[in-house]
Amino acid sequence: MAVTRNDLGLVILAVEAKVDETFGPTLGEKRKNASEGQLGRITYLERELGSLSWSY
């Protein structure tokens, strides 16, 4: 869980997962077969999250 902030105030972020459950494909894997809409959403998230060091 993370407590963060956006333009409206505080935001709580949480991810639910089971011990042996994966988070799904990596961004690199997702990009390989992504639709135009999916690529747009990935690009948006990368822009919003900042220039993190993404490893594809």
C-alpha atoms as a PDB file:
ATOM      1  CA  MET A   1       0.000   0.000   0.000  1.00  0.00           C
ATOM      2  CA  ALA A   2       1.165   3.534  -0.708  1.00  0.00           C
ATOM      3  CA  VAL A   3      -0.125   6.903   0.409  1.00  0.00           C
ATOM      4  CA  THR A   4       0.433   9.489  -2.293  1.00  0.00           C
ATOM      5  CA  ARG A   5      -1.063  12.752  -3.501  1.00  0.00           C
ATOM      6  CA  ASN A   6      -2.710  14.059  -6.661  1.00  0.00           C
ATOM      7  CA  ASP A   7      -4.350  17.369  -7.626  1.00  0.00           C
ATOM      8  CA  LEU A   8      -7.396  16.545  -5.462  1.00  0.00           C
ATOM      9  CA  GLY A   9      -5.515  15.521  -2.306  1.00  0.00           C
ATOM     10  CA  LEU A  10      -4.327  12.282  -0.722  1.00  0.00           C
ATOM     11  CA  VAL A  11      -4.666   8.989  -2.598  1.00  0.00           C
ATOM     12  CA  ILE A  12      -4.287   5.446  -1.275  1.00  0.00           C
ATOM     13  CA  LEU A  13      -2.884   2.911  -3.735  1.00  0.00           C
ATOM     14  CA  ALA A  14      -3.128  -0.798  -3.057  1.00  0.00           C
ATOM     15  CA  VAL A  15      -2.388  -3.976  -4.998  1.00  0.00           C
ATOM     16  CA  GLU A  16      -3.996  -7.246  -4.036  1.00  0.00           C
ATOM     17  CA  ALA A  17      -2.236 -10.470  -4.930  1.00  0.00           C
ATOM     18  CA  LYS A  18      -1.854 -14.027  -3.756  1.00  0.00           C
ATOM     19  CA  VAL A  19       1.499 -15.580  -2.886  1.00  0.00           C
ATOM     20  CA  ASP A  20       1.849 -17.595  -6.107  1.00  0.00           C
ATOM     21  CA  GLU A  21      -0.058 -15.188  -8.356  1.00  0.00           C
ATOM     22  CA  THR A  22       1.848 -13.184 -10.945  1.00  0.00           C
ATOM     23  CA  PHE A  23       1.099  -9.559 -11.762  1.00  0.00           C
ATOM     24  CA  GLY A  24       0.715 -10.480 -15.427  1.00  0.00           C
ATOM     25  CA  PRO A  25       2.912  -9.604 -18.383  1.00  0.00           C
ATOM     26  CA  THR A  26       5.696  -7.058 -18.127  1.00  0.00           C
ATOM     27  CA  LEU A  27       5.294  -3.806 -20.065  1.00  0.00           C
ATOM     28  CA  GLY A  28       7.743  -5.111 -22.657  1.00  0.00           C
ATOM     29  CA  GLU A  29       5.701  -8.279 -23.120  1.00  0.00           C
ATOM     30  CA  LYS A  30       2.466  -6.298 -23.276  1.00  0.00           C
ATOM     31  CA  ARG A  31       3.854  -3.880 -25.885  1.00  0.00           C
ATOM     32  CA  LYS A  32       4.701  -6.737 -28.292  1.00  0.00           C
ATOM     33  CA  ASN A  33       1.050  -7.570 -29.008  1.00  0.00           C
ATOM     34  CA  ALA A  34      -0.669  -4.428 -27.766  1.00  0.00           C
ATOM     35  CA  SER A  35      -3.494  -2.755 -29.627  1.00  0.00           C
ATOM     36  CA  GLU A  36      -3.261   0.940 -30.463  1.00  0.00           C
ATOM     37  CA  GLY A  37      -5.485   1.729 -27.468  1.00  0.00           C
ATOM     38  CA  GLN A  38      -3.335  -0.336 -25.094  1.00  0.00           C
ATOM     39  CA  LEU A  39      -0.170   1.361 -26.337  1.00  0.00           C
ATOM     40  CA  GLY A  40      -1.810   4.727 -25.720  1.00  0.00           C
ATOM     41  CA  ARG A  41      -2.713   3.767 -22.133  1.00  0.00           C
ATOM     42  CA  ILE A  42       0.804   2.435 -21.443  1.00  0.00           C
ATOM     43  CA  THR A  43       2.325   5.652 -22.802  1.00  0.00           C
ATOM     44  CA  TYR A  44      -0.064   7.718 -20.674  1.00  0.00           C
ATOM     45  CA  LEU A  45       0.854   5.796 -17.511  1.00  0.00           C
ATOM     46  CA  GLU A  46       4.565   6.128 -18.215  1.00  0.00           C
ATOM     47  CA  ARG A  47       4.153   9.865 -18.697  1.00  0.00           C
ATOM     48  CA  GLU A  48       2.072  10.254 -15.517  1.00  0.00           C
ATOM     49  CA  LEU A  49       4.430   8.134 -13.407  1.00  0.00           C
ATOM     50  CA  GLY A  50       7.471  10.047 -14.593  1.00  0.00           C
ATOM     51  CA  SER A  51      10.630   8.897 -16.224  1.00  0.00           C
ATOM     52  CA  LEU A  52      11.219   5.796 -14.186  1.00  0.00           C
ATOM     53  CA  SER A  53      13.838   3.368 -15.340  1.00  0.00           C
ATOM     54  CA  TRP A  54      11.631   0.888 -17.194  1.00  0.00           C
ATOM     55  CA  SER A  55      13.252  -2.390 -18.127  1.00  0.00           C
ATOM     56  CA  TYR A  56      11.674  -4.091 -21.083  1.00  0.00           C
END
